[in-house]
Every structure is written in C-alpha cells, then in structure tokens.
Amino acid sequence: MKAGNLSKARKERTRLDKRAIGDANAMKFGRTKAQKQADMKAQLAARTKLDGHKLDE
C-alpha cells in the first residue's frame, strides 16, 4: 500500500467528481458558439422582416 497524504487524495477525488458533473451538464445544456450565432442570426432576420412590415403613421 502506498503511503500518501489522504487530504490531497480526497481533494483530488472531489475535484474529479465535480469535473465529471460539469462535463455532463455541458453535454446536456451547453451549446456551441456556432449554434448560438445561428440563433442570433435567425432572430435578427425575423426582427428585420417584422420591422419591414410595420406601417408608418
């Protein structure tokens, strides 16, 4: 059995667990930069089209 600092081992295990949870959340909820830009572009196009149909008073 390897003798070592148990506190460091516990902290490392906790860090790895948090990293795994974060990676799972990124896969579940995260979006790529290209996806965000495509959504923004679609929103801008929709807004521009809607503004083009407004009547001037």
C-alpha atoms as a PDB file:
ATOM      1  CA  MET A   1       0.000   0.000   0.000  1.00  0.00           C
ATOM      2  CA  LYS A   2       1.299   3.408  -0.937  1.00  0.00           C
ATOM      3  CA  ALA A   3       1.584   5.891   1.891  1.00  0.00           C
ATOM      4  CA  GLY A   4       0.464   9.385   0.995  1.00  0.00           C
ATOM      5  CA  ASN A   5      -1.419  12.435   2.062  1.00  0.00           C
ATOM      6  CA  LEU A   6      -5.061  11.411   2.474  1.00  0.00           C
ATOM      7  CA  SER A   7      -6.249  15.011   2.398  1.00  0.00           C
ATOM      8  CA  LYS A   8      -4.753  15.550  -1.050  1.00  0.00           C
ATOM      9  CA  ALA A   9      -6.273  12.298  -2.306  1.00  0.00           C
ATOM     10  CA  ARG A  10      -9.711  13.308  -1.001  1.00  0.00           C
ATOM     11  CA  LYS A  11      -9.463  16.754  -2.594  1.00  0.00           C
ATOM     12  CA  GLU A  12      -8.365  15.268  -5.915  1.00  0.00           C
ATOM     13  CA  ARG A  13     -11.261  12.804  -5.879  1.00  0.00           C
ATOM     14  CA  THR A  14     -13.707  15.662  -5.128  1.00  0.00           C
ATOM     15  CA  ARG A  15     -12.203  17.756  -7.932  1.00  0.00           C
ATOM     16  CA  LEU A  16     -12.592  14.892 -10.408  1.00  0.00           C
ATOM     17  CA  ASP A  17     -16.202  14.306  -9.330  1.00  0.00           C
ATOM     18  CA  LYS A  18     -17.063  17.977  -9.824  1.00  0.00           C
ATOM     19  CA  ARG A  19     -15.362  17.939 -13.220  1.00  0.00           C
ATOM     20  CA  ALA A  20     -17.421  14.912 -14.284  1.00  0.00           C
ATOM     21  CA  ILE A  21     -20.647  16.632 -13.203  1.00  0.00           C
ATOM     22  CA  GLY A  22     -19.643  19.790 -15.072  1.00  0.00           C
ATOM     23  CA  ASP A  23     -18.845  17.852 -18.230  1.00  0.00           C
ATOM     24  CA  ALA A  24     -22.204  16.081 -18.041  1.00  0.00           C
ATOM     25  CA  ASN A  25     -24.003  19.422 -17.678  1.00  0.00           C
ATOM     26  CA  ALA A  26     -22.075  20.870 -20.607  1.00  0.00           C
ATOM     27  CA  MET A  27     -23.195  17.981 -22.791  1.00  0.00           C
ATOM     28  CA  LYS A  28     -26.761  18.317 -21.555  1.00  0.00           C
ATOM     29  CA  PHE A  29     -27.250  22.088 -21.637  1.00  0.00           C
ATOM     30  CA  GLY A  30     -24.298  23.589 -23.471  1.00  0.00           C
ATOM     31  CA  ARG A  31     -24.401  24.926 -26.997  1.00  0.00           C
ATOM     32  CA  THR A  32     -21.563  25.581 -29.375  1.00  0.00           C
ATOM     33  CA  LYS A  33     -20.598  29.057 -30.474  1.00  0.00           C
ATOM     34  CA  ALA A  34     -21.837  28.284 -33.994  1.00  0.00           C
ATOM     35  CA  GLN A  35     -25.255  27.283 -32.654  1.00  0.00           C
ATOM     36  CA  LYS A  36     -25.536  30.495 -30.636  1.00  0.00           C
ATOM     37  CA  GLN A  37     -24.530  32.591 -33.648  1.00  0.00           C
ATOM     38  CA  ALA A  38     -27.034  30.804 -35.898  1.00  0.00           C
ATOM     39  CA  ASP A  39     -29.824  31.517 -33.408  1.00  0.00           C
ATOM     40  CA  MET A  40     -28.841  35.175 -33.148  1.00  0.00           C
ATOM     41  CA  LYS A  41     -28.762  35.447 -36.936  1.00  0.00           C
ATOM     42  CA  ALA A  42     -32.232  33.893 -37.214  1.00  0.00           C
ATOM     43  CA  GLN A  43     -33.607  36.269 -34.564  1.00  0.00           C
ATOM     44  CA  LEU A  44     -32.131  39.256 -36.370  1.00  0.00           C
ATOM     45  CA  ALA A  45     -33.631  38.122 -39.672  1.00  0.00           C
ATOM     46  CA  ALA A  46     -37.052  37.663 -38.069  1.00  0.00           C
ATOM     47  CA  ARG A  47     -36.875  41.074 -36.413  1.00  0.00           C
ATOM     48  CA  THR A  48     -35.812  42.725 -39.673  1.00  0.00           C
ATOM     49  CA  LYS A  49     -38.660  41.047 -41.555  1.00  0.00           C
ATOM     50  CA  LEU A  50     -41.163  42.116 -38.905  1.00  0.00           C
ATOM     51  CA  ASP A  51     -39.871  45.693 -38.921  1.00  0.00           C
ATOM     52  CA  GLY A  52     -40.232  45.748 -42.693  1.00  0.00           C
ATOM     53  CA  HIS A  53     -43.948  45.042 -42.384  1.00  0.00           C
ATOM     54  CA  LYS A  54     -44.664  47.887 -39.967  1.00  0.00           C
ATOM     55  CA  LEU A  55     -46.883  50.682 -41.174  1.00  0.00           C
ATOM     56  CA  ASP A  56     -45.679  54.246 -40.809  1.00  0.00           C
ATOM     57  CA  GLU A  57     -48.123  56.586 -39.151  1.00  0.00           C
END
